[in-house]
Amino acid sequence: MKLRLVEIDLACEPLPGTAAGLIKEATLRVDAFMEAHKDSPVAGFVPSDFTLAYTSLLHIRRTMLASGDAFCEWGSGLGAVTCLAGMLG
């Protein structure tokens, strides 16, 4: 499959309570992880922007851009983006 540029509408609408709660908890966990490793950072750990990820996934879902329902986590392994994708089906 050939890659193509896709414009995504990132206009913010209120997040559903379940997504907002997950994002809040994930952000707290990332902050705690970063604080615990501030003197010896973990190589390659880059936290995701969870709100941006959710908004992007929502757009992909609404516009039926995905060719199926398989998902590969694109973050650093916390799993929050996968959970958000799961919430969207």
PDB file of N, CA and C in Angstrom:
ATOM      1  N   MET A   1       0.843  -1.169   0.000  1.00  0.00           N
ATOM      2  CA  MET A   1       0.000   0.000   0.000  1.00  0.00           C
ATOM      3  C   MET A   1       0.891   1.236   0.000  1.00  0.00           C
ATOM      4  N   LYS A   2       0.567   2.165  -0.827  1.00  0.00           N
ATOM      5  CA  LYS A   2       1.321   3.401  -0.938  1.00  0.00           C
ATOM      6  C   LYS A   2       0.878   4.389   0.154  1.00  0.00           C
ATOM      7  N   LEU A   3       1.846   5.071   0.752  1.00  0.00           N
ATOM      8  CA  LEU A   3       1.513   6.086   1.749  1.00  0.00           C
ATOM      9  C   LEU A   3       0.935   7.309   1.062  1.00  0.00           C
ATOM     10  N   ARG A   4       0.036   7.988   1.769  1.00  0.00           N
ATOM     11  CA  ARG A   4      -0.515   9.225   1.230  1.00  0.00           C
ATOM     12  C   ARG A   4      -0.693  10.226   2.354  1.00  0.00           C
ATOM     13  N   LEU A   5      -0.602  11.482   2.001  1.00  0.00           N
ATOM     14  CA  LEU A   5      -0.786  12.555   2.966  1.00  0.00           C
ATOM     15  C   LEU A   5      -2.276  12.706   3.258  1.00  0.00           C
ATOM     16  N   VAL A   6      -2.608  12.765   4.542  1.00  0.00           N
ATOM     17  CA  VAL A   6      -3.999  12.904   4.956  1.00  0.00           C
ATOM     18  C   VAL A   6      -4.103  14.103   5.876  1.00  0.00           C
ATOM     19  N   GLU A   7      -5.005  15.005   5.559  1.00  0.00           N
ATOM     20  CA  GLU A   7      -5.242  16.150   6.442  1.00  0.00           C
ATOM     21  C   GLU A   7      -6.272  15.737   7.482  1.00  0.00           C
ATOM     22  N   ILE A   8      -5.955  16.043   8.732  1.00  0.00           N
ATOM     23  CA  ILE A   8      -6.835  15.674   9.839  1.00  0.00           C
ATOM     24  C   ILE A   8      -7.351  16.936  10.506  1.00  0.00           C
ATOM     25  N   ASP A   9      -8.649  16.977  10.701  1.00  0.00           N
ATOM     26  CA  ASP A   9      -9.278  18.089  11.398  1.00  0.00           C
ATOM     27  C   ASP A   9      -9.023  17.913  12.895  1.00  0.00           C
ATOM     28  N   LEU A  10      -8.206  18.781  13.459  1.00  0.00           N
ATOM     29  CA  LEU A  10      -7.844  18.653  14.872  1.00  0.00           C
ATOM     30  C   LEU A  10      -8.625  19.622  15.755  1.00  0.00           C
ATOM     31  N   ALA A  11      -9.759  20.083  15.247  1.00  0.00           N
ATOM     32  CA  ALA A  11     -10.601  20.958  16.059  1.00  0.00           C
ATOM     33  C   ALA A  11     -10.992  20.215  17.330  1.00  0.00           C
ATOM     34  N   CYS A  12     -10.746  20.840  18.443  1.00  0.00           N
ATOM     35  CA  CYS A  12     -11.003  20.191  19.731  1.00  0.00           C
ATOM     36  C   CYS A  12     -12.479  20.254  20.072  1.00  0.00           C
ATOM     37  N   GLU A  13     -13.017  19.128  20.377  1.00  0.00           N
ATOM     38  CA  GLU A  13     -14.350  19.052  20.940  1.00  0.00           C
ATOM     39  C   GLU A  13     -14.182  18.426  22.315  1.00  0.00           C
ATOM     40  N   PRO A  14     -15.130  18.598  23.183  1.00  0.00           N
ATOM     41  CA  PRO A  14     -14.964  18.020  24.519  1.00  0.00           C
ATOM     42  C   PRO A  14     -14.713  16.515  24.452  1.00  0.00           C
ATOM     43  N   LEU A  15     -13.764  16.060  25.226  1.00  0.00           N
ATOM     44  CA  LEU A  15     -13.472  14.629  25.284  1.00  0.00           C
ATOM     45  C   LEU A  15     -14.545  13.916  26.098  1.00  0.00           C
ATOM     46  N   PRO A  16     -14.924  12.706  25.680  1.00  0.00           N
ATOM     47  CA  PRO A  16     -15.839  11.932  26.525  1.00  0.00           C
ATOM     48  C   PRO A  16     -15.186  11.674  27.882  1.00  0.00           C
ATOM     49  N   GLY A  17     -15.989  11.520  28.906  1.00  0.00           N
ATOM     50  CA  GLY A  17     -15.472  11.332  30.258  1.00  0.00           C
ATOM     51  C   GLY A  17     -14.490  10.189  30.393  1.00  0.00           C
ATOM     52  N   THR A  18     -14.760   9.061  29.722  1.00  0.00           N
ATOM     53  CA  THR A  18     -13.865   7.909  29.834  1.00  0.00           C
ATOM     54  C   THR A  18     -12.499   8.211  29.217  1.00  0.00           C
ATOM     55  N   ALA A  19     -12.505   8.890  28.078  1.00  0.00           N
ATOM     56  CA  ALA A  19     -11.233   9.244  27.431  1.00  0.00           C
ATOM     57  C   ALA A  19     -10.489  10.291  28.267  1.00  0.00           C
ATOM     58  N   ALA A  20     -11.208  11.275  28.764  1.00  0.00           N
ATOM     59  CA  ALA A  20     -10.577  12.308  29.591  1.00  0.00           C
ATOM     60  C   ALA A  20      -9.966  11.698  30.849  1.00  0.00           C
ATOM     61  N   GLY A  21     -10.670  10.764  31.456  1.00  0.00           N
ATOM     62  CA  GLY A  21     -10.149  10.101  32.656  1.00  0.00           C
ATOM     63  C   GLY A  21      -8.904   9.285  32.364  1.00  0.00           C
ATOM     64  N   LEU A  22      -8.919   8.552  31.263  1.00  0.00           N
ATOM     65  CA  LEU A  22      -7.751   7.766  30.891  1.00  0.00           C
ATOM     66  C   LEU A  22      -6.566   8.678  30.589  1.00  0.00           C
ATOM     67  N   ILE A  23      -6.808   9.761  29.881  1.00  0.00           N
ATOM     68  CA  ILE A  23      -5.737  10.708  29.547  1.00  0.00           C
ATOM     69  C   ILE A  23      -5.158  11.333  30.814  1.00  0.00           C
ATOM     70  N   LYS A  24      -6.016  11.673  31.759  1.00  0.00           N
ATOM     71  CA  LYS A  24      -5.541  12.255  33.016  1.00  0.00           C
ATOM     72  C   LYS A  24      -4.654  11.265  33.760  1.00  0.00           C
ATOM     73  N   GLU A  25      -5.111  10.020  33.874  1.00  0.00           N
ATOM     74  CA  GLU A  25      -4.335   8.991  34.579  1.00  0.00           C
ATOM     75  C   GLU A  25      -3.022   8.698  33.855  1.00  0.00           C
ATOM     76  N   ALA A  26      -3.067   8.593  32.536  1.00  0.00           N
ATOM     77  CA  ALA A  26      -1.847   8.314  31.763  1.00  0.00           C
ATOM     78  C   ALA A  26      -0.840   9.456  31.908  1.00  0.00           C
ATOM     79  N   THR A  27      -1.323  10.676  31.902  1.00  0.00           N
ATOM     80  CA  THR A  27      -0.439  11.834  32.062  1.00  0.00           C
ATOM     81  C   THR A  27       0.226  11.814  33.434  1.00  0.00           C
ATOM     82  N   LEU A  28      -0.527  11.473  34.469  1.00  0.00           N
ATOM     83  CA  LEU A  28       0.045  11.367  35.816  1.00  0.00           C
ATOM     84  C   LEU A  28       1.125  10.284  35.863  1.00  0.00           C
ATOM     85  N   ARG A  29       0.879   9.177  35.191  1.00  0.00           N
ATOM     86  CA  ARG A  29       1.860   8.085  35.180  1.00  0.00           C
ATOM     87  C   ARG A  29       3.122   8.472  34.400  1.00  0.00           C
ATOM     88  N   VAL A  30       2.943   9.162  33.283  1.00  0.00           N
ATOM     89  CA  VAL A  30       4.114   9.630  32.515  1.00  0.00           C
ATOM     90  C   VAL A  30       4.915  10.608  33.355  1.00  0.00           C
ATOM     91  N   ASP A  31       4.231  11.554  34.002  1.00  0.00           N
ATOM     92  CA  ASP A  31       4.922  12.537  34.836  1.00  0.00           C
ATOM     93  C   ASP A  31       5.706  11.847  35.955  1.00  0.00           C
ATOM     94  N   ALA A  32       5.108  10.859  36.589  1.00  0.00           N
ATOM     95  CA  ALA A  32       5.783  10.127  37.671  1.00  0.00           C
ATOM     96  C   ALA A  32       6.987   9.359  37.122  1.00  0.00           C
ATOM     97  N   PHE A  33       6.834   8.756  35.956  1.00  0.00           N
ATOM     98  CA  PHE A  33       7.936   8.029  35.325  1.00  0.00           C
ATOM     99  C   PHE A  33       9.084   8.973  34.993  1.00  0.00           C
ATOM    100  N   MET A  34       8.755  10.111  34.410  1.00  0.00           N
ATOM    101  CA  MET A  34       9.784  11.085  34.042  1.00  0.00           C
ATOM    102  C   MET A  34      10.505  11.608  35.289  1.00  0.00           C
ATOM    103  N   GLU A  35       9.755  11.842  36.347  1.00  0.00           N
ATOM    104  CA  GLU A  35      10.346  12.323  37.594  1.00  0.00           C
ATOM    105  C   GLU A  35      11.271  11.262  38.193  1.00  0.00           C
ATOM    106  N   ALA A  36      10.836  10.017  38.165  1.00  0.00           N
ATOM    107  CA  ALA A  36      11.642   8.932  38.728  1.00  0.00           C
ATOM    108  C   ALA A  36      12.931   8.702  37.948  1.00  0.00           C
ATOM    109  N   HIS A  37      12.946   9.097  36.695  1.00  0.00           N
ATOM    110  CA  HIS A  37      14.118   8.862  35.841  1.00  0.00           C
ATOM    111  C   HIS A  37      14.797  10.159  35.406  1.00  0.00           C
ATOM    112  N   LYS A  38      14.570  11.233  36.144  1.00  0.00           N
ATOM    113  CA  LYS A  38      15.133  12.520  35.721  1.00  0.00           C
ATOM    114  C   LYS A  38      16.666  12.532  35.762  1.00  0.00           C
ATOM    115  N   ASP A  39      17.266  11.744  36.639  1.00  0.00           N
ATOM    116  CA  ASP A  39      18.731  11.708  36.722  1.00  0.00           C
ATOM    117  C   ASP A  39      19.354  10.704  35.755  1.00  0.00           C
ATOM    118  N   SER A  40      18.549   9.782  35.270  1.00  0.00           N
ATOM    119  CA  SER A  40      19.031   8.807  34.285  1.00  0.00           C
ATOM    120  C   SER A  40      17.888   8.502  33.318  1.00  0.00           C
ATOM    121  N   PRO A  41      17.648   9.412  32.366  1.00  0.00           N
ATOM    122  CA  PRO A  41      16.523   9.251  31.439  1.00  0.00           C
ATOM    123  C   PRO A  41      16.587   7.934  30.666  1.00  0.00           C
ATOM    124  N   VAL A  42      15.427   7.390  30.386  1.00  0.00           N
ATOM    125  CA  VAL A  42      15.322   6.154  29.614  1.00  0.00           C
ATOM    126  C   VAL A  42      15.452   6.518  28.141  1.00  0.00           C
ATOM    127  N   ALA A  43      16.436   5.938  27.490  1.00  0.00           N
ATOM    128  CA  ALA A  43      16.693   6.241  26.079  1.00  0.00           C
ATOM    129  C   ALA A  43      15.477   5.878  25.235  1.00  0.00           C
ATOM    130  N   GLY A  44      15.084   6.798  24.388  1.00  0.00           N
ATOM    131  CA  GLY A  44      14.000   6.541  23.449  1.00  0.00           C
ATOM    132  C   GLY A  44      12.601   6.764  23.987  1.00  0.00           C
ATOM    133  N   PHE A  45      12.465   7.112  25.275  1.00  0.00           N
ATOM    134  CA  PHE A  45      11.120   7.350  25.811  1.00  0.00           C
ATOM    135  C   PHE A  45      10.678   8.759  25.446  1.00  0.00           C
ATOM    136  N   VAL A  46       9.640   8.835  24.638  1.00  0.00           N
ATOM    137  CA  VAL A  46       9.058  10.118  24.250  1.00  0.00           C
ATOM    138  C   VAL A  46       7.560  10.012  24.512  1.00  0.00           C
ATOM    139  N   PRO A  47       7.049  10.748  25.489  1.00  0.00           N
ATOM    140  CA  PRO A  47       5.624  10.624  25.796  1.00  0.00           C
ATOM    141  C   PRO A  47       4.759  11.167  24.662  1.00  0.00           C
ATOM    142  N   SER A  48       3.616  10.548  24.488  1.00  0.00           N
ATOM    143  CA  SER A  48       2.662  10.977  23.462  1.00  0.00           C
ATOM    144  C   SER A  48       1.830  12.146  23.971  1.00  0.00           C
ATOM    145  N   ASP A  49       1.291  12.890  23.023  1.00  0.00           N
ATOM    146  CA  ASP A  49       0.270  13.887  23.328  1.00  0.00           C
ATOM    147  C   ASP A  49      -1.053  13.115  23.222  1.00  0.00           C
ATOM    148  N   PHE A  50      -1.576  12.690  24.356  1.00  0.00           N
ATOM    149  CA  PHE A  50      -2.723  11.793  24.359  1.00  0.00           C
ATOM    150  C   PHE A  50      -3.990  12.433  23.797  1.00  0.00           C
ATOM    151  N   THR A  51      -4.187  13.716  24.053  1.00  0.00           N
ATOM    152  CA  THR A  51      -5.365  14.400  23.502  1.00  0.00           C
ATOM    153  C   THR A  51      -5.263  14.481  21.985  1.00  0.00           C
ATOM    154  N   LEU A  52      -4.092  14.814  21.481  1.00  0.00           N
ATOM    155  CA  LEU A  52      -3.878  14.855  20.034  1.00  0.00           C
ATOM    156  C   LEU A  52      -4.058  13.463  19.428  1.00  0.00           C
ATOM    157  N   ALA A  53      -3.568  12.449  20.101  1.00  0.00           N
ATOM    158  CA  ALA A  53      -3.722  11.074  19.611  1.00  0.00           C
ATOM    159  C   ALA A  53      -5.197  10.700  19.539  1.00  0.00           C
ATOM    160  N   TYR A  54      -5.950  11.013  20.585  1.00  0.00           N
ATOM    161  CA  TYR A  54      -7.378  10.685  20.592  1.00  0.00           C
ATOM    162  C   TYR A  54      -8.109  11.415  19.470  1.00  0.00           C
ATOM    163  N   THR A  55      -7.819  12.709  19.322  1.00  0.00           N
ATOM    164  CA  THR A  55      -8.462  13.503  18.285  1.00  0.00           C
ATOM    165  C   THR A  55      -8.141  12.941  16.902  1.00  0.00           C
ATOM    166  N   SER A  56      -6.904  12.535  16.690  1.00  0.00           N
ATOM    167  CA  SER A  56      -6.500  11.947  15.408  1.00  0.00           C
ATOM    168  C   SER A  56      -7.208  10.621  15.165  1.00  0.00           C
ATOM    169  N   LEU A  57      -7.250   9.775  16.195  1.00  0.00           N
ATOM    170  CA  LEU A  57      -7.928   8.488  16.066  1.00  0.00           C
ATOM    171  C   LEU A  57      -9.422   8.666  15.800  1.00  0.00           C
ATOM    172  N   LEU A  58     -10.014   9.641  16.444  1.00  0.00           N
ATOM    173  CA  LEU A  58     -11.438   9.919  16.235  1.00  0.00           C
ATOM    174  C   LEU A  58     -11.688  10.315  14.782  1.00  0.00           C
ATOM    175  N   HIS A  59     -10.816  11.156  14.233  1.00  0.00           N
ATOM    176  CA  HIS A  59     -10.949  11.573  12.836  1.00  0.00           C
ATOM    177  C   HIS A  59     -10.797  10.364  11.903  1.00  0.00           C
ATOM    178  N   ILE A  60      -9.816   9.528  12.180  1.00  0.00           N
ATOM    179  CA  ILE A  60      -9.594   8.333  11.360  1.00  0.00           C
ATOM    180  C   ILE A  60     -10.835   7.442  11.393  1.00  0.00           C
ATOM    181  N   ARG A  61     -11.419   7.297  12.564  1.00  0.00           N
ATOM    182  CA  ARG A  61     -12.623   6.468  12.722  1.00  0.00           C
ATOM    183  C   ARG A  61     -13.810   7.066  11.970  1.00  0.00           C
ATOM    184  N   ARG A  62     -14.028   8.366  12.169  1.00  0.00           N
ATOM    185  CA  ARG A  62     -15.188   9.027  11.555  1.00  0.00           C
ATOM    186  C   ARG A  62     -15.114   9.059  10.031  1.00  0.00           C
ATOM    187  N   THR A  63     -13.917   9.194   9.499  1.00  0.00           N
ATOM    188  CA  THR A  63     -13.757   9.280   8.047  1.00  0.00           C
ATOM    189  C   THR A  63     -13.437   7.931   7.417  1.00  0.00           C
ATOM    190  N   MET A  64     -13.424   6.884   8.221  1.00  0.00           N
ATOM    191  CA  MET A  64     -13.184   5.516   7.774  1.00  0.00           C
ATOM    192  C   MET A  64     -11.877   5.396   6.978  1.00  0.00           C
ATOM    193  N   LEU A  65     -10.821   6.040   7.482  1.00  0.00           N
ATOM    194  CA  LEU A  65      -9.520   5.982   6.830  1.00  0.00           C
ATOM    195  C   LEU A  65      -8.817   4.648   7.047  1.00  0.00           C
ATOM    196  N   ALA A  66      -9.112   3.985   8.144  1.00  0.00           N
ATOM    197  CA  ALA A  66      -8.450   2.705   8.434  1.00  0.00           C
ATOM    198  C   ALA A  66      -9.048   1.610   7.562  1.00  0.00           C
ATOM    199  N   SER A  67      -8.204   0.696   7.120  1.00  0.00           N
ATOM    200  CA  SER A  67      -8.679  -0.389   6.271  1.00  0.00           C
ATOM    201  C   SER A  67      -9.163  -1.592   7.089  1.00  0.00           C
ATOM    202  N   GLY A  68      -9.065  -1.496   8.391  1.00  0.00           N
ATOM    203  CA  GLY A  68      -9.509  -2.578   9.277  1.00  0.00           C
ATOM    204  C   GLY A  68      -9.506  -2.094  10.711  1.00  0.00           C
ATOM    205  N   ASP A  69      -9.535  -3.034  11.644  1.00  0.00           N
ATOM    206  CA  ASP A  69      -9.581  -2.635  13.048  1.00  0.00           C
ATOM    207  C   ASP A  69      -8.316  -3.007  13.823  1.00  0.00           C
ATOM    208  N   ALA A  70      -7.246  -3.406  13.114  1.00  0.00           N
ATOM    209  CA  ALA A  70      -5.971  -3.680  13.779  1.00  0.00           C
ATOM    210  C   ALA A  70      -5.300  -2.359  14.138  1.00  0.00           C
ATOM    211  N   PHE A  71      -4.561  -2.357  15.254  1.00  0.00           N
ATOM    212  CA  PHE A  71      -3.906  -1.129  15.701  1.00  0.00           C
ATOM    213  C   PHE A  71      -2.538  -1.461  16.267  1.00  0.00           C
ATOM    214  N   CYS A  72      -1.571  -0.642  15.958  1.00  0.00           N
ATOM    215  CA  CYS A  72      -0.216  -0.786  16.487  1.00  0.00           C
ATOM    216  C   CYS A  72       0.097   0.441  17.340  1.00  0.00           C
ATOM    217  N   GLU A  73       0.425   0.227  18.601  1.00  0.00           N
ATOM    218  CA  GLU A  73       0.751   1.332  19.506  1.00  0.00           C
ATOM    219  C   GLU A  73       1.867   2.178  18.904  1.00  0.00           C
ATOM    220  N   TRP A  74       1.675   3.482  18.867  1.00  0.00           N
ATOM    221  CA  TRP A  74       2.706   4.356  18.296  1.00  0.00           C
ATOM    222  C   TRP A  74       3.429   5.147  19.364  1.00  0.00           C
ATOM    223  N   GLY A  75       3.165   4.884  20.596  1.00  0.00           N
ATOM    224  CA  GLY A  75       3.831   5.600  21.683  1.00  0.00           C
ATOM    225  C   GLY A  75       5.033   4.836  22.198  1.00  0.00           C
ATOM    226  N   SER A  76       5.440   5.166  23.396  1.00  0.00           N
ATOM    227  CA  SER A  76       6.636   4.567  23.988  1.00  0.00           C
ATOM    228  C   SER A  76       6.334   3.331  24.807  1.00  0.00           C
ATOM    229  N   GLY A  77       5.156   2.801  24.704  1.00  0.00           N
ATOM    230  CA  GLY A  77       4.854   1.550  25.364  1.00  0.00           C
ATOM    231  C   GLY A  77       3.980   1.644  26.598  1.00  0.00           C
ATOM    232  N   LEU A  78       3.512   2.814  26.965  1.00  0.00           N
ATOM    233  CA  LEU A  78       2.614   2.953  28.107  1.00  0.00           C
ATOM    234  C   LEU A  78       1.278   2.261  27.808  1.00  0.00           C
ATOM    235  N   GLY A  79       0.887   2.266  26.554  1.00  0.00           N
ATOM    236  CA  GLY A  79      -0.350   1.601  26.164  1.00  0.00           C
ATOM    237  C   GLY A  79      -1.571   2.500  26.155  1.00  0.00           C
ATOM    238  N   ALA A  80      -1.418   3.758  26.538  1.00  0.00           N
ATOM    239  CA  ALA A  80      -2.568   4.659  26.620  1.00  0.00           C
ATOM    240  C   ALA A  80      -3.203   4.908  25.254  1.00  0.00           C
ATOM    241  N   VAL A  81      -2.384   5.050  24.219  1.00  0.00           N
ATOM    242  CA  VAL A  81      -2.934   5.308  22.884  1.00  0.00           C
ATOM    243  C   VAL A  81      -3.701   4.078  22.399  1.00  0.00           C
ATOM    244  N   THR A  82      -3.207   2.893  22.723  1.00  0.00           N
ATOM    245  CA  THR A  82      -3.923   1.670  22.365  1.00  0.00           C
ATOM    246  C   THR A  82      -5.264   1.607  23.100  1.00  0.00           C
ATOM    247  N   CYS A  83      -5.276   2.005  24.362  1.00  0.00           N
ATOM    248  CA  CYS A  83      -6.534   2.041  25.116  1.00  0.00           C
ATOM    249  C   CYS A  83      -7.509   3.032  24.493  1.00  0.00           C
ATOM    250  N   LEU A  84      -7.017   4.188  24.083  1.00  0.00           N
ATOM    251  CA  LEU A  84      -7.869   5.185  23.428  1.00  0.00           C
ATOM    252  C   LEU A  84      -8.416   4.636  22.114  1.00  0.00           C
ATOM    253  N   ALA A  85      -7.564   3.951  21.347  1.00  0.00           N
ATOM    254  CA  ALA A  85      -8.020   3.338  20.102  1.00  0.00           C
ATOM    255  C   ALA A  85      -9.095   2.292  20.396  1.00  0.00           C
ATOM    256  N   GLY A  86      -8.891   1.528  21.449  1.00  0.00           N
ATOM    257  CA  GLY A  86      -9.879   0.530  21.843  1.00  0.00           C
ATOM    258  C   GLY A  86     -11.220   1.154  22.202  1.00  0.00           C
ATOM    259  N   MET A  87     -11.184   2.301  22.855  1.00  0.00           N
ATOM    260  CA  MET A  87     -12.417   2.997  23.200  1.00  0.00           C
ATOM    261  C   MET A  87     -13.204   3.400  21.947  1.00  0.00           C
ATOM    262  N   LEU A  88     -12.467   3.645  20.866  1.00  0.00           N
ATOM    263  CA  LEU A  88     -13.105   4.061  19.620  1.00  0.00           C
ATOM    264  C   LEU A  88     -13.459   2.880  18.719  1.00  0.00           C
ATOM    265  N   GLY A  89     -13.127   1.686  19.163  1.00  0.00           N
ATOM    266  CA  GLY A  89     -13.471   0.489  18.397  1.00  0.00           C
ATOM    267  C   GLY A  89     -12.468   0.156  17.335  1.00  0.00           C
TER     268      GLY A  89
END
